[in-house]
N, C-alpha and C. Protein backbone atom coordinates (compact mmCIF):
# COMPACT_ATOMS: atom_id res chain seq x y z
N MET A 1 -18.18 6.16 -20.93
CA MET A 1 -18.48 5.40 -19.72
C MET A 1 -17.72 6.00 -18.54
N THR A 2 -18.39 6.25 -17.44
CA THR A 2 -17.73 6.78 -16.26
C THR A 2 -16.89 5.70 -15.58
N ALA A 3 -15.99 6.16 -14.68
CA ALA A 3 -15.16 5.21 -13.95
C ALA A 3 -16.02 4.27 -13.12
N LEU A 4 -17.09 4.80 -12.52
CA LEU A 4 -17.97 3.97 -11.71
C LEU A 4 -18.66 2.91 -12.56
N GLN A 5 -19.11 3.29 -13.75
CA GLN A 5 -19.75 2.33 -14.64
C GLN A 5 -18.76 1.26 -15.09
N GLN A 6 -17.52 1.67 -15.36
CA GLN A 6 -16.50 0.70 -15.78
C GLN A 6 -16.21 -0.29 -14.66
N GLN A 7 -16.15 0.20 -13.43
CA GLN A 7 -15.91 -0.70 -12.30
C GLN A 7 -17.07 -1.65 -12.10
N ALA A 8 -18.28 -1.12 -12.21
CA ALA A 8 -19.46 -1.98 -12.05
C ALA A 8 -19.49 -3.07 -13.11
N ARG A 9 -19.14 -2.71 -14.34
CA ARG A 9 -19.12 -3.71 -15.41
C ARG A 9 -18.04 -4.76 -15.16
N ALA A 10 -16.85 -4.29 -14.67
CA ALA A 10 -15.76 -5.22 -14.40
C ALA A 10 -16.14 -6.23 -13.31
N LEU A 11 -16.98 -5.81 -12.37
CA LEU A 11 -17.37 -6.69 -11.27
C LEU A 11 -18.68 -7.42 -11.53
N GLY A 12 -19.20 -7.30 -12.75
CA GLY A 12 -20.49 -7.90 -13.06
C GLY A 12 -20.49 -9.41 -13.08
N GLY A 13 -19.36 -10.02 -13.43
CA GLY A 13 -19.29 -11.49 -13.46
C GLY A 13 -18.94 -12.05 -12.10
N LEU A 14 -19.54 -13.16 -11.74
CA LEU A 14 -19.35 -13.75 -10.41
C LEU A 14 -17.88 -14.10 -10.16
N THR A 15 -17.25 -14.77 -11.12
CA THR A 15 -15.86 -15.20 -10.90
C THR A 15 -14.94 -14.00 -10.76
N ARG A 16 -15.12 -12.99 -11.62
CA ARG A 16 -14.24 -11.82 -11.54
C ARG A 16 -14.45 -11.09 -10.21
N HIS A 17 -15.68 -11.03 -9.75
CA HIS A 17 -15.93 -10.40 -8.45
C HIS A 17 -15.25 -11.19 -7.34
N GLN A 18 -15.25 -12.51 -7.44
CA GLN A 18 -14.58 -13.34 -6.44
C GLN A 18 -13.07 -13.13 -6.47
N VAL A 19 -12.50 -12.98 -7.67
CA VAL A 19 -11.08 -12.69 -7.79
C VAL A 19 -10.76 -11.35 -7.14
N PHE A 20 -11.60 -10.35 -7.40
CA PHE A 20 -11.42 -9.03 -6.79
C PHE A 20 -11.45 -9.12 -5.27
N ARG A 21 -12.43 -9.85 -4.73
CA ARG A 21 -12.54 -9.96 -3.27
C ARG A 21 -11.31 -10.67 -2.69
N TYR A 22 -10.80 -11.66 -3.38
CA TYR A 22 -9.62 -12.38 -2.90
C TYR A 22 -8.43 -11.43 -2.82
N VAL A 23 -8.21 -10.66 -3.89
CA VAL A 23 -7.10 -9.71 -3.90
C VAL A 23 -7.30 -8.64 -2.82
N ALA A 24 -8.54 -8.14 -2.69
CA ALA A 24 -8.83 -7.08 -1.73
C ALA A 24 -8.60 -7.52 -0.30
N GLU A 25 -8.88 -8.77 0.00
CA GLU A 25 -8.79 -9.26 1.37
C GLU A 25 -7.43 -9.83 1.73
N ALA A 26 -6.55 -9.98 0.73
CA ALA A 26 -5.21 -10.52 0.98
C ALA A 26 -4.36 -9.48 1.70
N SER A 27 -3.54 -9.92 2.63
CA SER A 27 -2.70 -8.99 3.39
C SER A 27 -1.48 -8.55 2.59
N ASP A 28 -1.15 -9.26 1.52
CA ASP A 28 -0.01 -8.92 0.67
C ASP A 28 -0.40 -9.15 -0.79
N PRO A 29 0.37 -8.58 -1.72
CA PRO A 29 0.08 -8.82 -3.14
C PRO A 29 0.06 -10.31 -3.46
N VAL A 30 -0.78 -10.69 -4.40
CA VAL A 30 -0.90 -12.09 -4.80
C VAL A 30 -0.52 -12.21 -6.27
N ASP A 31 -0.08 -13.40 -6.66
CA ASP A 31 0.30 -13.60 -8.06
C ASP A 31 -0.68 -14.53 -8.75
N VAL A 32 -0.47 -14.72 -10.04
CA VAL A 32 -1.37 -15.54 -10.85
C VAL A 32 -1.39 -16.97 -10.35
N ALA A 33 -0.23 -17.50 -9.96
CA ALA A 33 -0.16 -18.89 -9.51
C ALA A 33 -1.04 -19.12 -8.28
N GLU A 34 -1.01 -18.18 -7.34
CA GLU A 34 -1.83 -18.31 -6.13
C GLU A 34 -3.32 -18.29 -6.48
N LEU A 35 -3.70 -17.38 -7.36
CA LEU A 35 -5.10 -17.29 -7.76
C LEU A 35 -5.54 -18.52 -8.55
N THR A 36 -4.66 -19.02 -9.41
CA THR A 36 -4.97 -20.21 -10.19
C THR A 36 -5.24 -21.40 -9.27
N GLU A 37 -4.39 -21.56 -8.28
CA GLU A 37 -4.55 -22.67 -7.34
C GLU A 37 -5.84 -22.53 -6.53
N HIS A 38 -6.13 -21.30 -6.11
CA HIS A 38 -7.31 -21.10 -5.27
C HIS A 38 -8.61 -21.32 -6.04
N PHE A 39 -8.68 -20.81 -7.26
CA PHE A 39 -9.94 -20.87 -8.01
C PHE A 39 -10.04 -22.08 -8.93
N GLY A 40 -8.92 -22.78 -9.16
CA GLY A 40 -8.97 -23.94 -10.03
C GLY A 40 -9.18 -23.60 -11.49
N LEU A 41 -8.77 -22.40 -11.88
CA LEU A 41 -8.88 -21.98 -13.28
C LEU A 41 -7.50 -22.00 -13.92
N ASN A 42 -7.45 -21.90 -15.26
CA ASN A 42 -6.14 -21.86 -15.90
C ASN A 42 -5.57 -20.44 -15.83
N HIS A 43 -4.26 -20.36 -16.11
CA HIS A 43 -3.56 -19.09 -15.95
C HIS A 43 -4.14 -18.00 -16.85
N ASN A 44 -4.48 -18.36 -18.08
CA ASN A 44 -4.99 -17.35 -19.00
C ASN A 44 -6.31 -16.76 -18.53
N ALA A 45 -7.20 -17.59 -17.99
CA ALA A 45 -8.48 -17.08 -17.48
C ALA A 45 -8.25 -16.11 -16.33
N ILE A 46 -7.34 -16.45 -15.42
CA ILE A 46 -7.04 -15.56 -14.29
C ILE A 46 -6.44 -14.25 -14.79
N ARG A 47 -5.52 -14.35 -15.74
CA ARG A 47 -4.90 -13.13 -16.28
C ARG A 47 -5.93 -12.22 -16.93
N GLN A 48 -6.90 -12.80 -17.63
CA GLN A 48 -7.94 -11.99 -18.27
C GLN A 48 -8.80 -11.26 -17.23
N HIS A 49 -9.14 -11.97 -16.16
CA HIS A 49 -9.92 -11.32 -15.09
C HIS A 49 -9.11 -10.19 -14.46
N LEU A 50 -7.84 -10.44 -14.20
CA LEU A 50 -6.99 -9.42 -13.58
C LEU A 50 -6.82 -8.21 -14.50
N ALA A 51 -6.68 -8.45 -15.80
CA ALA A 51 -6.51 -7.35 -16.74
C ALA A 51 -7.73 -6.43 -16.72
N LYS A 52 -8.93 -7.00 -16.63
CA LYS A 52 -10.15 -6.19 -16.56
C LYS A 52 -10.20 -5.39 -15.26
N LEU A 53 -9.76 -5.99 -14.16
CA LEU A 53 -9.78 -5.30 -12.87
C LEU A 53 -8.75 -4.17 -12.84
N VAL A 54 -7.59 -4.41 -13.44
CA VAL A 54 -6.58 -3.37 -13.53
C VAL A 54 -7.07 -2.21 -14.39
N GLU A 55 -7.67 -2.54 -15.54
CA GLU A 55 -8.17 -1.53 -16.46
C GLU A 55 -9.24 -0.66 -15.80
N ALA A 56 -10.03 -1.25 -14.90
CA ALA A 56 -11.10 -0.52 -14.23
C ALA A 56 -10.61 0.27 -13.02
N GLY A 57 -9.33 0.16 -12.68
CA GLY A 57 -8.80 0.89 -11.54
C GLY A 57 -9.16 0.28 -10.20
N LEU A 58 -9.44 -1.02 -10.20
CA LEU A 58 -9.79 -1.71 -8.96
C LEU A 58 -8.60 -2.45 -8.36
N VAL A 59 -7.66 -2.84 -9.20
CA VAL A 59 -6.51 -3.63 -8.78
C VAL A 59 -5.27 -3.04 -9.43
N ASP A 60 -4.15 -3.03 -8.70
CA ASP A 60 -2.87 -2.58 -9.24
C ASP A 60 -1.99 -3.79 -9.55
N ALA A 61 -1.21 -3.69 -10.61
CA ALA A 61 -0.22 -4.72 -10.95
C ALA A 61 1.17 -4.12 -10.79
N GLU A 62 2.08 -4.88 -10.22
CA GLU A 62 3.45 -4.41 -10.04
C GLU A 62 4.39 -5.61 -10.11
N LYS A 63 5.66 -5.33 -10.33
CA LYS A 63 6.66 -6.39 -10.38
C LYS A 63 7.14 -6.71 -8.97
N ALA A 64 7.15 -7.98 -8.64
CA ALA A 64 7.65 -8.41 -7.34
C ALA A 64 9.18 -8.38 -7.36
N PRO A 65 9.81 -8.15 -6.20
CA PRO A 65 11.28 -8.21 -6.15
C PRO A 65 11.77 -9.57 -6.63
N SER A 66 12.82 -9.54 -7.43
CA SER A 66 13.34 -10.78 -8.00
C SER A 66 14.45 -11.33 -7.13
N GLY A 67 14.36 -12.61 -6.82
CA GLY A 67 15.39 -13.24 -6.01
C GLY A 67 16.45 -13.95 -6.84
N GLY A 68 16.38 -13.84 -8.13
CA GLY A 68 17.36 -14.53 -8.97
C GLY A 68 17.17 -14.18 -10.42
N ARG A 69 17.54 -15.10 -11.29
CA ARG A 69 17.43 -14.84 -12.72
C ARG A 69 15.99 -14.98 -13.18
N GLY A 70 15.76 -14.52 -14.38
CA GLY A 70 14.42 -14.64 -14.94
C GLY A 70 13.62 -13.36 -14.78
N ARG A 71 12.56 -13.30 -15.50
CA ARG A 71 11.69 -12.13 -15.49
C ARG A 71 10.93 -12.05 -14.17
N PRO A 72 10.93 -10.88 -13.51
CA PRO A 72 10.18 -10.77 -12.25
C PRO A 72 8.69 -11.03 -12.49
N ARG A 73 8.07 -11.74 -11.57
CA ARG A 73 6.66 -12.04 -11.73
C ARG A 73 5.82 -10.82 -11.35
N LEU A 74 4.64 -10.74 -11.93
CA LEU A 74 3.70 -9.68 -11.57
C LEU A 74 2.90 -10.12 -10.35
N VAL A 75 2.67 -9.17 -9.46
CA VAL A 75 1.80 -9.41 -8.32
C VAL A 75 0.71 -8.33 -8.32
N TYR A 76 -0.39 -8.64 -7.67
CA TYR A 76 -1.57 -7.78 -7.73
C TYR A 76 -2.03 -7.44 -6.32
N ARG A 77 -2.42 -6.19 -6.15
CA ARG A 77 -2.95 -5.73 -4.88
C ARG A 77 -4.15 -4.82 -5.15
N LEU A 78 -4.96 -4.62 -4.14
CA LEU A 78 -6.07 -3.70 -4.25
C LEU A 78 -5.57 -2.30 -4.57
N ASP A 79 -6.19 -1.64 -5.54
CA ASP A 79 -5.87 -0.24 -5.80
C ASP A 79 -6.23 0.57 -4.57
N PRO A 80 -5.28 1.34 -4.00
CA PRO A 80 -5.57 2.09 -2.77
C PRO A 80 -6.73 3.06 -2.90
N GLY A 81 -7.05 3.46 -4.12
CA GLY A 81 -8.15 4.39 -4.30
C GLY A 81 -9.49 3.72 -4.55
N ALA A 82 -9.53 2.39 -4.47
CA ALA A 82 -10.80 1.68 -4.72
C ALA A 82 -11.85 2.14 -3.73
N GLU A 83 -13.01 2.41 -4.21
CA GLU A 83 -14.07 2.96 -3.37
C GLU A 83 -14.65 1.92 -2.44
N SER A 84 -15.10 2.37 -1.27
CA SER A 84 -15.67 1.46 -0.27
C SER A 84 -17.01 0.90 -0.72
N ARG A 85 -17.60 1.47 -1.77
CA ARG A 85 -18.89 0.95 -2.24
C ARG A 85 -18.79 -0.48 -2.75
N TRP A 86 -17.57 -0.93 -3.05
CA TRP A 86 -17.40 -2.29 -3.55
C TRP A 86 -17.07 -3.27 -2.43
N GLY A 87 -17.33 -2.87 -1.19
CA GLY A 87 -17.14 -3.78 -0.07
C GLY A 87 -15.74 -3.80 0.49
N VAL A 88 -14.92 -2.80 0.14
CA VAL A 88 -13.58 -2.69 0.70
C VAL A 88 -13.45 -1.36 1.43
N THR A 89 -12.53 -1.29 2.34
CA THR A 89 -12.31 -0.07 3.10
C THR A 89 -11.48 0.90 2.29
N GLY A 90 -12.05 2.05 1.94
CA GLY A 90 -11.36 3.05 1.16
C GLY A 90 -10.44 3.89 2.03
N PRO A 91 -9.57 4.71 1.40
CA PRO A 91 -8.60 5.49 2.17
C PRO A 91 -9.23 6.44 3.16
N TYR A 92 -10.34 7.08 2.79
CA TYR A 92 -10.93 8.05 3.71
C TYR A 92 -11.69 7.37 4.84
N GLU A 93 -12.12 6.14 4.64
CA GLU A 93 -12.67 5.38 5.75
C GLU A 93 -11.57 5.06 6.76
N ARG A 94 -10.40 4.67 6.27
CA ARG A 94 -9.28 4.41 7.18
C ARG A 94 -8.91 5.67 7.94
N LEU A 95 -8.85 6.80 7.22
CA LEU A 95 -8.51 8.06 7.87
C LEU A 95 -9.54 8.41 8.95
N ALA A 96 -10.82 8.20 8.66
CA ALA A 96 -11.86 8.50 9.65
C ALA A 96 -11.68 7.65 10.90
N LEU A 97 -11.32 6.38 10.72
CA LEU A 97 -11.09 5.50 11.87
C LEU A 97 -9.91 5.99 12.71
N TRP A 98 -8.85 6.44 12.04
CA TRP A 98 -7.68 6.91 12.78
C TRP A 98 -7.99 8.21 13.52
N LEU A 99 -8.73 9.11 12.88
CA LEU A 99 -9.09 10.36 13.55
C LEU A 99 -10.00 10.10 14.75
N ALA A 100 -10.91 9.14 14.59
CA ALA A 100 -11.77 8.76 15.71
C ALA A 100 -10.94 8.17 16.85
N GLU A 101 -9.92 7.41 16.51
CA GLU A 101 -9.04 6.83 17.53
C GLU A 101 -8.29 7.93 18.28
N MET A 102 -7.88 8.99 17.57
CA MET A 102 -7.22 10.11 18.22
C MET A 102 -8.14 10.78 19.22
N VAL A 103 -9.41 10.99 18.83
CA VAL A 103 -10.37 11.63 19.72
C VAL A 103 -10.65 10.74 20.93
N ARG A 104 -10.83 9.45 20.68
CA ARG A 104 -11.19 8.52 21.75
C ARG A 104 -10.07 8.33 22.77
N THR A 105 -8.83 8.24 22.28
CA THR A 105 -7.71 7.92 23.17
C THR A 105 -6.95 9.15 23.65
N GLY A 106 -7.06 10.26 22.92
CA GLY A 106 -6.27 11.44 23.24
C GLY A 106 -4.82 11.33 22.79
N ASP A 107 -4.49 10.28 22.02
CA ASP A 107 -3.13 10.09 21.55
C ASP A 107 -2.82 11.02 20.38
N THR A 108 -1.54 11.26 20.16
CA THR A 108 -1.11 12.13 19.06
C THR A 108 -1.27 11.42 17.72
N PRO A 109 -1.27 12.18 16.62
CA PRO A 109 -1.33 11.54 15.30
C PRO A 109 -0.17 10.57 15.07
N VAL A 110 1.03 10.90 15.57
CA VAL A 110 2.17 10.00 15.40
C VAL A 110 1.92 8.68 16.11
N GLU A 111 1.37 8.73 17.33
CA GLU A 111 1.11 7.50 18.08
C GLU A 111 0.06 6.64 17.38
N VAL A 112 -1.01 7.27 16.91
CA VAL A 112 -2.06 6.52 16.22
C VAL A 112 -1.53 5.96 14.90
N GLY A 113 -0.75 6.76 14.17
CA GLY A 113 -0.16 6.28 12.92
C GLY A 113 0.79 5.13 13.16
N ARG A 114 1.54 5.19 14.25
CA ARG A 114 2.48 4.11 14.57
C ARG A 114 1.73 2.80 14.77
N ARG A 115 0.60 2.86 15.48
CA ARG A 115 -0.16 1.63 15.69
C ARG A 115 -0.73 1.10 14.38
N ALA A 116 -1.18 2.02 13.50
CA ALA A 116 -1.69 1.59 12.19
C ALA A 116 -0.59 0.93 11.37
N GLY A 117 0.62 1.50 11.39
CA GLY A 117 1.74 0.91 10.67
C GLY A 117 2.14 -0.44 11.23
N ARG A 118 2.08 -0.54 12.56
CA ARG A 118 2.42 -1.81 13.21
C ARG A 118 1.42 -2.89 12.82
N ARG A 119 0.13 -2.53 12.81
CA ARG A 119 -0.89 -3.52 12.40
C ARG A 119 -0.69 -3.93 10.96
N GLN A 120 -0.34 -2.97 10.11
CA GLN A 120 -0.10 -3.28 8.70
C GLN A 120 1.05 -4.26 8.56
N ARG A 121 2.14 -4.00 9.30
CA ARG A 121 3.31 -4.87 9.21
C ARG A 121 3.03 -6.26 9.75
N LEU A 122 2.35 -6.35 10.89
CA LEU A 122 2.11 -7.64 11.50
C LEU A 122 1.14 -8.49 10.68
N GLY A 123 0.27 -7.83 9.90
CA GLY A 123 -0.69 -8.57 9.10
C GLY A 123 -0.16 -8.98 7.74
N ALA A 124 1.09 -8.63 7.45
CA ALA A 124 1.66 -8.89 6.12
C ALA A 124 2.47 -10.17 6.11
N ARG A 125 2.40 -10.89 5.00
CA ARG A 125 3.25 -12.05 4.79
C ARG A 125 4.56 -11.59 4.17
N GLU A 126 5.63 -12.29 4.50
CA GLU A 126 6.93 -11.97 3.92
C GLU A 126 7.01 -12.50 2.49
N PHE A 127 7.55 -11.73 1.59
CA PHE A 127 7.84 -12.22 0.26
C PHE A 127 8.95 -11.37 -0.33
N GLY A 128 9.53 -11.82 -1.44
CA GLY A 128 10.61 -11.07 -2.05
C GLY A 128 11.94 -11.43 -1.42
N ASP A 129 12.87 -10.48 -1.44
CA ASP A 129 14.24 -10.79 -1.01
C ASP A 129 14.50 -10.49 0.45
N GLY A 130 13.51 -10.05 1.21
CA GLY A 130 13.69 -9.81 2.63
C GLY A 130 14.44 -8.52 2.94
N ASP A 131 14.73 -7.71 1.96
CA ASP A 131 15.41 -6.44 2.17
C ASP A 131 14.50 -5.48 2.93
N PRO A 132 14.97 -4.86 4.05
CA PRO A 132 14.09 -3.99 4.83
C PRO A 132 13.59 -2.78 4.06
N VAL A 133 14.42 -2.25 3.16
CA VAL A 133 13.98 -1.09 2.38
C VAL A 133 12.84 -1.49 1.44
N THR A 134 13.01 -2.65 0.78
CA THR A 134 11.95 -3.15 -0.09
C THR A 134 10.66 -3.37 0.70
N SER A 135 10.79 -3.91 1.91
CA SER A 135 9.61 -4.15 2.74
C SER A 135 8.90 -2.85 3.07
N LEU A 136 9.67 -1.80 3.42
CA LEU A 136 9.05 -0.50 3.73
C LEU A 136 8.35 0.06 2.50
N VAL A 137 9.01 -0.04 1.35
CA VAL A 137 8.40 0.45 0.11
C VAL A 137 7.08 -0.27 -0.17
N GLU A 138 7.08 -1.60 -0.02
CA GLU A 138 5.88 -2.38 -0.29
C GLU A 138 4.74 -1.99 0.65
N GLN A 139 5.07 -1.81 1.93
CA GLN A 139 4.03 -1.48 2.90
C GLN A 139 3.47 -0.08 2.67
N MET A 140 4.33 0.88 2.35
CA MET A 140 3.84 2.23 2.06
C MET A 140 3.01 2.23 0.77
N ALA A 141 3.41 1.40 -0.20
CA ALA A 141 2.63 1.29 -1.43
C ALA A 141 1.24 0.75 -1.15
N ALA A 142 1.14 -0.18 -0.19
CA ALA A 142 -0.16 -0.76 0.15
C ALA A 142 -1.12 0.29 0.69
N HIS A 143 -0.59 1.36 1.28
CA HIS A 143 -1.43 2.44 1.79
C HIS A 143 -1.69 3.51 0.74
N GLY A 144 -1.14 3.36 -0.45
CA GLY A 144 -1.48 4.27 -1.54
C GLY A 144 -0.52 5.42 -1.76
N PHE A 145 0.73 5.33 -1.24
CA PHE A 145 1.66 6.44 -1.38
C PHE A 145 2.46 6.41 -2.67
N ASP A 146 2.44 5.32 -3.40
CA ASP A 146 3.18 5.17 -4.66
C ASP A 146 4.63 5.61 -4.50
N PRO A 147 5.39 4.95 -3.62
CA PRO A 147 6.75 5.41 -3.32
C PRO A 147 7.79 4.96 -4.34
N THR A 148 8.81 5.78 -4.48
CA THR A 148 10.03 5.38 -5.16
C THR A 148 11.17 5.54 -4.16
N VAL A 149 12.27 4.83 -4.39
CA VAL A 149 13.35 4.84 -3.40
C VAL A 149 14.67 5.21 -4.04
N ARG A 150 15.47 5.95 -3.28
CA ARG A 150 16.83 6.29 -3.70
C ARG A 150 17.76 6.02 -2.52
N ARG A 151 18.85 5.30 -2.78
CA ARG A 151 19.81 4.96 -1.74
C ARG A 151 21.15 5.63 -2.04
N HIS A 152 21.79 6.10 -0.99
CA HIS A 152 23.15 6.63 -1.11
C HIS A 152 23.89 6.22 0.15
N GLY A 153 24.67 5.14 0.02
CA GLY A 153 25.31 4.58 1.20
C GLY A 153 24.25 4.12 2.18
N PRO A 154 24.38 4.52 3.46
CA PRO A 154 23.37 4.12 4.44
C PRO A 154 22.09 4.95 4.39
N SER A 155 22.10 6.05 3.64
CA SER A 155 20.93 6.93 3.55
C SER A 155 19.91 6.37 2.57
N VAL A 156 18.65 6.44 2.97
CA VAL A 156 17.55 5.94 2.14
C VAL A 156 16.46 7.01 2.10
N ASP A 157 16.09 7.43 0.92
CA ASP A 157 15.02 8.41 0.75
C ASP A 157 13.89 7.78 -0.05
N LEU A 158 12.68 7.83 0.51
CA LEU A 158 11.49 7.42 -0.21
C LEU A 158 10.76 8.68 -0.64
N THR A 159 10.47 8.80 -1.92
CA THR A 159 9.62 9.89 -2.41
C THR A 159 8.21 9.35 -2.56
N LEU A 160 7.27 9.97 -1.84
CA LEU A 160 5.88 9.53 -1.85
C LEU A 160 5.15 10.30 -2.95
N ARG A 161 4.94 9.63 -4.07
CA ARG A 161 4.44 10.33 -5.26
C ARG A 161 2.94 10.54 -5.25
N ARG A 162 2.30 10.09 -4.20
CA ARG A 162 0.85 10.22 -4.13
C ARG A 162 0.44 10.38 -2.68
N CYS A 163 -0.47 11.31 -2.40
CA CYS A 163 -1.02 11.46 -1.05
C CYS A 163 -2.42 10.86 -1.06
N PRO A 164 -2.65 9.77 -0.32
CA PRO A 164 -3.98 9.15 -0.35
C PRO A 164 -5.04 9.98 0.36
N PHE A 165 -4.62 11.02 1.09
CA PHE A 165 -5.57 11.85 1.83
C PHE A 165 -5.41 13.32 1.42
N GLU A 166 -5.29 13.55 0.13
CA GLU A 166 -4.96 14.87 -0.39
C GLU A 166 -5.89 15.96 0.13
N SER A 167 -7.20 15.74 0.08
CA SER A 167 -8.15 16.78 0.47
C SER A 167 -7.99 17.16 1.94
N THR A 168 -7.86 16.16 2.79
CA THR A 168 -7.71 16.43 4.22
C THR A 168 -6.35 17.04 4.51
N ALA A 169 -5.32 16.62 3.79
CA ALA A 169 -3.99 17.18 4.00
C ALA A 169 -3.94 18.66 3.65
N LEU A 170 -4.74 19.09 2.68
CA LEU A 170 -4.79 20.51 2.36
C LEU A 170 -5.39 21.32 3.51
N ALA A 171 -6.38 20.73 4.20
CA ALA A 171 -7.04 21.43 5.29
C ALA A 171 -6.25 21.36 6.60
N ASP A 172 -5.60 20.23 6.85
CA ASP A 172 -4.87 20.03 8.11
C ASP A 172 -3.60 19.22 7.84
N PRO A 173 -2.61 19.86 7.22
CA PRO A 173 -1.41 19.11 6.83
C PRO A 173 -0.64 18.54 8.01
N ASP A 174 -0.62 19.25 9.15
CA ASP A 174 0.16 18.76 10.28
C ASP A 174 -0.36 17.41 10.76
N THR A 175 -1.67 17.29 10.92
CA THR A 175 -2.24 16.04 11.42
C THR A 175 -1.99 14.89 10.45
N VAL A 176 -2.25 15.13 9.17
CA VAL A 176 -2.11 14.06 8.18
C VAL A 176 -0.65 13.65 8.03
N CYS A 177 0.26 14.62 7.99
CA CYS A 177 1.68 14.28 7.83
C CYS A 177 2.20 13.53 9.05
N GLU A 178 1.74 13.90 10.25
CA GLU A 178 2.18 13.19 11.45
C GLU A 178 1.62 11.77 11.47
N LEU A 179 0.41 11.57 10.97
CA LEU A 179 -0.11 10.21 10.83
C LEU A 179 0.77 9.39 9.90
N HIS A 180 1.16 10.00 8.78
CA HIS A 180 2.02 9.32 7.81
C HIS A 180 3.37 8.95 8.44
N LEU A 181 3.96 9.89 9.18
CA LEU A 181 5.24 9.62 9.80
C LEU A 181 5.12 8.50 10.83
N GLY A 182 4.08 8.55 11.65
CA GLY A 182 3.86 7.50 12.62
C GLY A 182 3.67 6.14 11.97
N MET A 183 2.97 6.13 10.83
CA MET A 183 2.77 4.89 10.10
C MET A 183 4.10 4.30 9.66
N ALA A 184 4.99 5.15 9.15
CA ALA A 184 6.31 4.68 8.73
C ALA A 184 7.10 4.15 9.93
N TYR A 185 7.00 4.83 11.07
CA TYR A 185 7.66 4.34 12.29
C TYR A 185 7.17 2.93 12.63
N GLY A 186 5.84 2.74 12.61
CA GLY A 186 5.27 1.45 12.99
C GLY A 186 5.68 0.33 12.06
N ILE A 187 5.74 0.63 10.76
CA ILE A 187 6.17 -0.38 9.80
C ILE A 187 7.64 -0.74 10.01
N ALA A 188 8.47 0.30 10.25
CA ALA A 188 9.91 0.08 10.34
C ALA A 188 10.33 -0.60 11.64
N GLU A 189 9.46 -0.62 12.64
CA GLU A 189 9.82 -1.22 13.93
C GLU A 189 10.33 -2.65 13.79
N GLY A 190 9.72 -3.40 12.90
CA GLY A 190 10.09 -4.81 12.76
C GLY A 190 11.05 -5.09 11.63
N LEU A 191 11.63 -4.05 11.03
CA LEU A 191 12.54 -4.23 9.90
C LEU A 191 13.97 -4.06 10.40
N ASP A 192 14.71 -5.12 10.46
CA ASP A 192 16.06 -5.10 11.02
C ASP A 192 16.96 -4.13 10.29
N GLY A 193 17.55 -3.19 11.04
CA GLY A 193 18.57 -2.32 10.48
C GLY A 193 18.07 -1.07 9.82
N LEU A 194 16.76 -0.84 9.75
CA LEU A 194 16.22 0.34 9.08
C LEU A 194 15.57 1.27 10.10
N GLU A 195 15.96 2.53 10.08
CA GLU A 195 15.40 3.53 10.99
C GLU A 195 14.80 4.67 10.16
N VAL A 196 13.60 5.11 10.56
CA VAL A 196 12.95 6.26 9.92
C VAL A 196 13.37 7.52 10.68
N ASP A 197 13.85 8.53 9.95
CA ASP A 197 14.35 9.75 10.57
C ASP A 197 13.33 10.88 10.58
N GLU A 198 12.77 11.19 9.42
CA GLU A 198 11.84 12.32 9.35
C GLU A 198 11.03 12.25 8.06
N LEU A 199 9.95 13.01 8.05
CA LEU A 199 9.14 13.18 6.85
C LEU A 199 9.23 14.63 6.44
N VAL A 200 9.66 14.88 5.22
CA VAL A 200 9.75 16.24 4.69
C VAL A 200 8.51 16.48 3.83
N PRO A 201 7.54 17.27 4.33
CA PRO A 201 6.27 17.41 3.61
C PRO A 201 6.37 18.34 2.41
N LYS A 202 5.50 18.08 1.45
CA LYS A 202 5.36 18.93 0.27
C LYS A 202 3.88 19.25 0.08
N ASP A 203 3.57 20.06 -0.91
CA ASP A 203 2.19 20.37 -1.23
C ASP A 203 1.47 19.07 -1.62
N PRO A 204 0.41 18.67 -0.89
CA PRO A 204 -0.25 17.38 -1.19
C PRO A 204 -0.85 17.32 -2.58
N ARG A 205 -1.13 18.48 -3.19
CA ARG A 205 -1.68 18.46 -4.55
C ARG A 205 -0.63 18.01 -5.56
N ARG A 206 0.63 18.22 -5.24
CA ARG A 206 1.72 17.79 -6.13
C ARG A 206 2.42 16.55 -5.60
N ALA A 207 2.15 16.22 -4.33
CA ALA A 207 2.78 15.07 -3.67
C ALA A 207 4.30 15.26 -3.65
N GLY A 208 5.04 14.17 -3.56
CA GLY A 208 6.49 14.28 -3.53
C GLY A 208 7.07 14.44 -2.15
N CYS A 209 6.29 14.18 -1.08
CA CYS A 209 6.86 14.21 0.27
C CYS A 209 8.01 13.21 0.35
N ARG A 210 9.02 13.52 1.16
CA ARG A 210 10.20 12.65 1.25
C ARG A 210 10.27 12.05 2.65
N LEU A 211 10.38 10.74 2.68
CA LEU A 211 10.56 10.00 3.93
C LEU A 211 12.03 9.63 4.02
N ARG A 212 12.73 10.27 4.94
CA ARG A 212 14.16 10.06 5.08
C ARG A 212 14.44 8.99 6.12
N CYS A 213 15.27 8.01 5.74
CA CYS A 213 15.59 6.88 6.60
C CYS A 213 17.09 6.62 6.52
N HIS A 214 17.56 5.71 7.34
CA HIS A 214 18.94 5.25 7.22
C HIS A 214 19.06 3.81 7.66
N LEU A 215 20.08 3.16 7.15
CA LEU A 215 20.37 1.77 7.50
C LEU A 215 21.45 1.74 8.58
N GLU A 216 21.18 1.02 9.64
CA GLU A 216 22.16 0.85 10.71
C GLU A 216 23.21 -0.16 10.28
N PRO A 217 24.47 0.03 10.69
CA PRO A 217 25.50 -0.98 10.36
C PRO A 217 25.19 -2.30 11.03
N ALA A 218 25.49 -3.38 10.35
CA ALA A 218 25.24 -4.71 10.89
C ALA A 218 26.10 -4.94 12.13
N SER A 219 25.49 -5.50 13.17
CA SER A 219 26.22 -5.74 14.41
C SER A 219 26.97 -7.07 14.35
């Protein structure tokens, strides 16, 4: 069975398709409790629908930041690679909109990326422990970068393990990397104490670009 056939089968049931649309349209990851309340189904039914969506590559599952004791809850977000054929905006559709904005306005890729990052941040609900680094990681993950983070004192390095625009980055790495950097700037604008310094690009086929940041001392 092809990936497309698996996705079509996963979305064949009305309720599962509705769960997918809810996750796809949410501005932040959602958990089982939120979906249970919205759809009026029991937890096991929601978990079964989510498992099928995850298996089909339509939805990602991740652990939410834990604010205390106990096992961290799982939260679900749209898989960044989900195709636009299922009624969601895919990564290359977003890229096309940003490139069109550059042509229309004459602004640089960094400026356009900054506005995209700002819109992403303003449309997001707060959750987790409120840590600015965690917030940046979550927002970059929502765009499909699959980031990991390493801290050393005030220095913060995010390794972007996935390039959502790999094909275009191979053809025009400067434009795509500057869009990415601008996006990080826009997200970080509203995160108290966190500053983005630079993006160190790598071969997009292997990913691993590094977003270097630092934490400002508390005033």
